[in-house]
């Protein structure tokens, strides 16, 4: 999980997030796309996280 560079959340991860959070598929996808634009290498620093 998290190591794939496919550009989209895997169906498995998306289903897990939808099942275990209150967020919709659309919202999760928007957040993920935003993260990819802000952190293209897939990493976030402690300062950026805070």
PDB file of N, CA and C in Angstrom:
ATOM      1  N   UNK A   1       0.832  -1.177   0.000  1.00  0.00           N
ATOM      2  CA  UNK A   1       0.000   0.000   0.000  1.00  0.00           C
ATOM      3  C   UNK A   1       0.880   1.243   0.000  1.00  0.00           C
ATOM      4  N   UNK A   2       0.577   2.175  -0.883  1.00  0.00           N
ATOM      5  CA  UNK A   2       1.294   3.425  -0.906  1.00  0.00           C
ATOM      6  C   UNK A   2       2.550   3.439  -1.756  1.00  0.00           C
ATOM      7  N   UNK A   3       3.027   2.287  -2.205  1.00  0.00           N
ATOM      8  CA  UNK A   3       4.238   2.254  -3.004  1.00  0.00           C
ATOM      9  C   UNK A   3       3.962   2.320  -4.497  1.00  0.00           C
ATOM     10  N   UNK A   4       2.735   2.047  -4.898  1.00  0.00           N
ATOM     11  CA  UNK A   4       2.390   2.071  -6.313  1.00  0.00           C
ATOM     12  C   UNK A   4       2.383   3.499  -6.830  1.00  0.00           C
ATOM     13  N   UNK A   5       2.844   3.672  -8.060  1.00  0.00           N
ATOM     14  CA  UNK A   5       2.883   4.995  -8.680  1.00  0.00           C
ATOM     15  C   UNK A   5       1.880   5.055  -9.826  1.00  0.00           C
ATOM     16  N   UNK A   6       0.742   4.384  -9.699  1.00  0.00           N
ATOM     17  CA  UNK A   6      -0.206   4.281 -10.794  1.00  0.00           C
ATOM     18  C   UNK A   6      -0.958   5.567 -11.064  1.00  0.00           C
ATOM     19  N   UNK A   7      -0.981   6.497 -10.111  1.00  0.00           N
ATOM     20  CA  UNK A   7      -1.703   7.735 -10.310  1.00  0.00           C
ATOM     21  C   UNK A   7      -3.110   7.701  -9.756  1.00  0.00           C
ATOM     22  N   UNK A   8      -3.535   6.570  -9.246  1.00  0.00           N
ATOM     23  CA  UNK A   8      -4.873   6.465  -8.676  1.00  0.00           C
ATOM     24  C   UNK A   8      -4.834   5.519  -7.486  1.00  0.00           C
ATOM     25  N   UNK A   9      -5.779   5.706  -6.596  1.00  0.00           N
ATOM     26  CA  UNK A   9      -5.902   4.781  -5.472  1.00  0.00           C
ATOM     27  C   UNK A   9      -6.313   3.421  -6.003  1.00  0.00           C
ATOM     28  N   UNK A  10      -5.747   2.360  -5.454  1.00  0.00           N
ATOM     29  CA  UNK A  10      -6.166   1.027  -5.875  1.00  0.00           C
ATOM     30  C   UNK A  10      -7.592   0.788  -5.393  1.00  0.00           C
ATOM     31  N   UNK A  11      -8.302  -0.074  -6.084  1.00  0.00           N
ATOM     32  CA  UNK A  11      -9.685  -0.402  -5.698  1.00  0.00           C
ATOM     33  C   UNK A  11      -9.723  -0.932  -4.272  1.00  0.00           C
ATOM     34  N   UNK A  12      -8.720  -1.739  -3.920  1.00  0.00           N
ATOM     35  CA  UNK A  12      -8.652  -2.334  -2.585  1.00  0.00           C
ATOM     36  C   UNK A  12      -8.512  -1.255  -1.509  1.00  0.00           C
ATOM     37  N   UNK A  13      -7.605  -0.311  -1.714  1.00  0.00           N
ATOM     38  CA  UNK A  13      -7.384   0.763  -0.746  1.00  0.00           C
ATOM     39  C   UNK A  13      -8.616   1.658  -0.668  1.00  0.00           C
ATOM     40  N   UNK A  14      -9.179   1.983  -1.818  1.00  0.00           N
ATOM     41  CA  UNK A  14     -10.361   2.835  -1.845  1.00  0.00           C
ATOM     42  C   UNK A  14     -11.525   2.188  -1.095  1.00  0.00           C
ATOM     43  N   UNK A  15     -11.757   0.914  -1.311  1.00  0.00           N
ATOM     44  CA  UNK A  15     -12.835   0.211  -0.606  1.00  0.00           C
ATOM     45  C   UNK A  15     -12.591   0.194   0.899  1.00  0.00           C
ATOM     46  N   UNK A  16     -11.342  -0.027   1.299  1.00  0.00           N
ATOM     47  CA  UNK A  16     -11.002  -0.032   2.720  1.00  0.00           C
ATOM     48  C   UNK A  16     -11.275   1.338   3.341  1.00  0.00           C
ATOM     49  N   UNK A  17     -10.869   2.398   2.658  1.00  0.00           N
ATOM     50  CA  UNK A  17     -11.100   3.748   3.181  1.00  0.00           C
ATOM     51  C   UNK A  17     -12.588   4.073   3.257  1.00  0.00           C
ATOM     52  N   UNK A  18     -13.341   3.693   2.248  1.00  0.00           N
ATOM     53  CA  UNK A  18     -14.787   3.950   2.266  1.00  0.00           C
ATOM     54  C   UNK A  18     -15.467   3.186   3.397  1.00  0.00           C
ATOM     55  N   UNK A  19     -15.008   1.975   3.651  1.00  0.00           N
ATOM     56  CA  UNK A  19     -15.600   1.143   4.696  1.00  0.00           C
ATOM     57  C   UNK A  19     -15.267   1.654   6.090  1.00  0.00           C
ATOM     58  N   UNK A  20     -14.057   2.170   6.256  1.00  0.00           N
ATOM     59  CA  UNK A  20     -13.577   2.517   7.592  1.00  0.00           C
ATOM     60  C   UNK A  20     -13.557   4.004   7.908  1.00  0.00           C
ATOM     61  N   UNK A  21     -14.067   4.824   6.997  1.00  0.00           N
ATOM     62  CA  UNK A  21     -14.174   6.264   7.255  1.00  0.00           C
ATOM     63  C   UNK A  21     -15.563   6.726   6.847  1.00  0.00           C
ATOM     64  N   UNK A  22     -15.853   7.978   7.110  1.00  0.00           N
ATOM     65  CA  UNK A  22     -17.156   8.524   6.725  1.00  0.00           C
ATOM     66  C   UNK A  22     -17.095   9.266   5.397  1.00  0.00           C
ATOM     67  N   UNK A  23     -15.993   9.122   4.659  1.00  0.00           N
ATOM     68  CA  UNK A  23     -15.790   9.886   3.435  1.00  0.00           C
ATOM     69  C   UNK A  23     -16.260   9.126   2.202  1.00  0.00           C
ATOM     70  N   UNK A  24     -16.756   9.882   1.230  1.00  0.00           N
ATOM     71  CA  UNK A  24     -17.233   9.290  -0.018  1.00  0.00           C
ATOM     72  C   UNK A  24     -16.055   8.970  -0.938  1.00  0.00           C
ATOM     73  N   UNK A  25     -16.321   8.159  -1.927  1.00  0.00           N
ATOM     74  CA  UNK A  25     -15.301   7.822  -2.917  1.00  0.00           C
ATOM     75  C   UNK A  25     -14.810   9.081  -3.631  1.00  0.00           C
ATOM     76  N   UNK A  26     -15.730   9.970  -3.967  1.00  0.00           N
ATOM     77  CA  UNK A  26     -15.362  11.200  -4.663  1.00  0.00           C
ATOM     78  C   UNK A  26     -14.434  12.063  -3.811  1.00  0.00           C
ATOM     79  N   UNK A  27     -14.755  12.189  -2.524  1.00  0.00           N
ATOM     80  CA  UNK A  27     -13.935  13.005  -1.631  1.00  0.00           C
ATOM     81  C   UNK A  27     -12.543  12.392  -1.450  1.00  0.00           C
ATOM     82  N   UNK A  28     -12.482  11.103  -1.262  1.00  0.00           N
ATOM     83  CA  UNK A  28     -11.194  10.427  -1.112  1.00  0.00           C
ATOM     84  C   UNK A  28     -10.336  10.600  -2.359  1.00  0.00           C
ATOM     85  N   UNK A  29     -10.942  10.481  -3.516  1.00  0.00           N
ATOM     86  CA  UNK A  29     -10.196  10.642  -4.770  1.00  0.00           C
ATOM     87  C   UNK A  29      -9.703  12.071  -4.943  1.00  0.00           C
ATOM     88  N   UNK A  30     -10.527  13.047  -4.585  1.00  0.00           N
ATOM     89  CA  UNK A  30     -10.094  14.449  -4.675  1.00  0.00           C
ATOM     90  C   UNK A  30      -8.902  14.702  -3.757  1.00  0.00           C
ATOM     91  N   UNK A  31      -8.968  14.196  -2.528  1.00  0.00           N
ATOM     92  CA  UNK A  31      -7.866  14.377  -1.574  1.00  0.00           C
ATOM     93  C   UNK A  31      -6.589  13.725  -2.093  1.00  0.00           C
ATOM     94  N   UNK A  32      -6.723  12.533  -2.645  1.00  0.00           N
ATOM     95  CA  UNK A  32      -5.556  11.821  -3.152  1.00  0.00           C
ATOM     96  C   UNK A  32      -4.933  12.564  -4.335  1.00  0.00           C
ATOM     97  N   UNK A  33      -5.768  13.053  -5.238  1.00  0.00           N
ATOM     98  CA  UNK A  33      -5.264  13.819  -6.382  1.00  0.00           C
ATOM     99  C   UNK A  33      -4.556  15.089  -5.919  1.00  0.00           C
ATOM    100  N   UNK A  34      -5.110  15.751  -4.917  1.00  0.00           N
ATOM    101  CA  UNK A  34      -4.489  16.955  -4.364  1.00  0.00           C
ATOM    102  C   UNK A  34      -3.131  16.611  -3.738  1.00  0.00           C
ATOM    103  N   UNK A  35      -3.077  15.518  -3.000  1.00  0.00           N
ATOM    104  CA  UNK A  35      -1.819  15.075  -2.398  1.00  0.00           C
ATOM    105  C   UNK A  35      -0.774  14.805  -3.477  1.00  0.00           C
ATOM    106  N   UNK A  36      -1.175  14.151  -4.551  1.00  0.00           N
ATOM    107  CA  UNK A  36      -0.231  13.844  -5.628  1.00  0.00           C
ATOM    108  C   UNK A  36       0.317  15.115  -6.272  1.00  0.00           C
ATOM    109  N   UNK A  37      -0.517  16.136  -6.409  1.00  0.00           N
ATOM    110  CA  UNK A  37      -0.044  17.403  -6.987  1.00  0.00           C
ATOM    111  C   UNK A  37       0.922  18.102  -6.038  1.00  0.00           C
ATOM    112  N   UNK A  38       0.606  18.093  -4.745  1.00  0.00           N
ATOM    113  CA  UNK A  38       1.432  18.782  -3.755  1.00  0.00           C
ATOM    114  C   UNK A  38       2.702  18.013  -3.419  1.00  0.00           C
ATOM    115  N   UNK A  39       2.644  16.708  -3.488  1.00  0.00           N
ATOM    116  CA  UNK A  39       3.782  15.849  -3.108  1.00  0.00           C
ATOM    117  C   UNK A  39       3.996  14.789  -4.190  1.00  0.00           C
ATOM    118  N   UNK A  40       4.503  15.182  -5.349  1.00  0.00           N
ATOM    119  CA  UNK A  40       4.618  14.241  -6.465  1.00  0.00           C
ATOM    120  C   UNK A  40       5.499  13.027  -6.187  1.00  0.00           C
ATOM    121  N   UNK A  41       6.399  13.128  -5.214  1.00  0.00           N
ATOM    122  CA  UNK A  41       7.233  11.968  -4.889  1.00  0.00           C
ATOM    123  C   UNK A  41       6.552  11.040  -3.886  1.00  0.00           C
ATOM    124  N   UNK A  42       5.341  11.404  -3.448  1.00  0.00           N
ATOM    125  CA  UNK A  42       4.586  10.558  -2.532  1.00  0.00           C
ATOM    126  C   UNK A  42       5.004  10.671  -1.084  1.00  0.00           C
ATOM    127  N   UNK A  43       5.807  11.675  -0.776  1.00  0.00           N
ATOM    128  CA  UNK A  43       6.289  11.863   0.595  1.00  0.00           C
ATOM    129  C   UNK A  43       5.899  13.244   1.086  1.00  0.00           C
ATOM    130  N   UNK A  44       5.734  13.335   2.404  1.00  0.00           N
ATOM    131  CA  UNK A  44       5.405  14.608   3.035  1.00  0.00           C
ATOM    132  C   UNK A  44       6.319  14.782   4.243  1.00  0.00           C
ATOM    133  N   UNK A  45       6.835  15.971   4.404  1.00  0.00           N
ATOM    134  CA  UNK A  45       7.729  16.221   5.540  1.00  0.00           C
ATOM    135  C   UNK A  45       6.905  16.440   6.807  1.00  0.00           C
ATOM    136  N   UNK A  46       7.558  16.332   7.928  1.00  0.00           N
ATOM    137  CA  UNK A  46       6.884  16.580   9.203  1.00  0.00           C
ATOM    138  C   UNK A  46       6.315  18.003   9.230  1.00  0.00           C
ATOM    139  N   UNK A  47       7.091  18.970   8.748  1.00  0.00           N
ATOM    140  CA  UNK A  47       6.643  20.373   8.740  1.00  0.00           C
ATOM    141  C   UNK A  47       5.409  20.551   7.855  1.00  0.00           C
ATOM    142  N   UNK A  48       5.393  19.909   6.689  1.00  0.00           N
ATOM    143  CA  UNK A  48       4.237  20.001   5.797  1.00  0.00           C
ATOM    144  C   UNK A  48       3.012  19.342   6.424  1.00  0.00           C
ATOM    145  N   UNK A  49       3.231  18.276   7.165  1.00  0.00           N
ATOM    146  CA  UNK A  49       2.132  17.549   7.792  1.00  0.00           C
ATOM    147  C   UNK A  49       1.465  18.380   8.871  1.00  0.00           C
ATOM    148  N   UNK A  50       2.268  19.128   9.622  1.00  0.00           N
ATOM    149  CA  UNK A  50       1.743  19.934  10.715  1.00  0.00           C
ATOM    150  C   UNK A  50       1.122  21.157  10.144  1.00  0.00           C
TER     151      UNK A  50
END
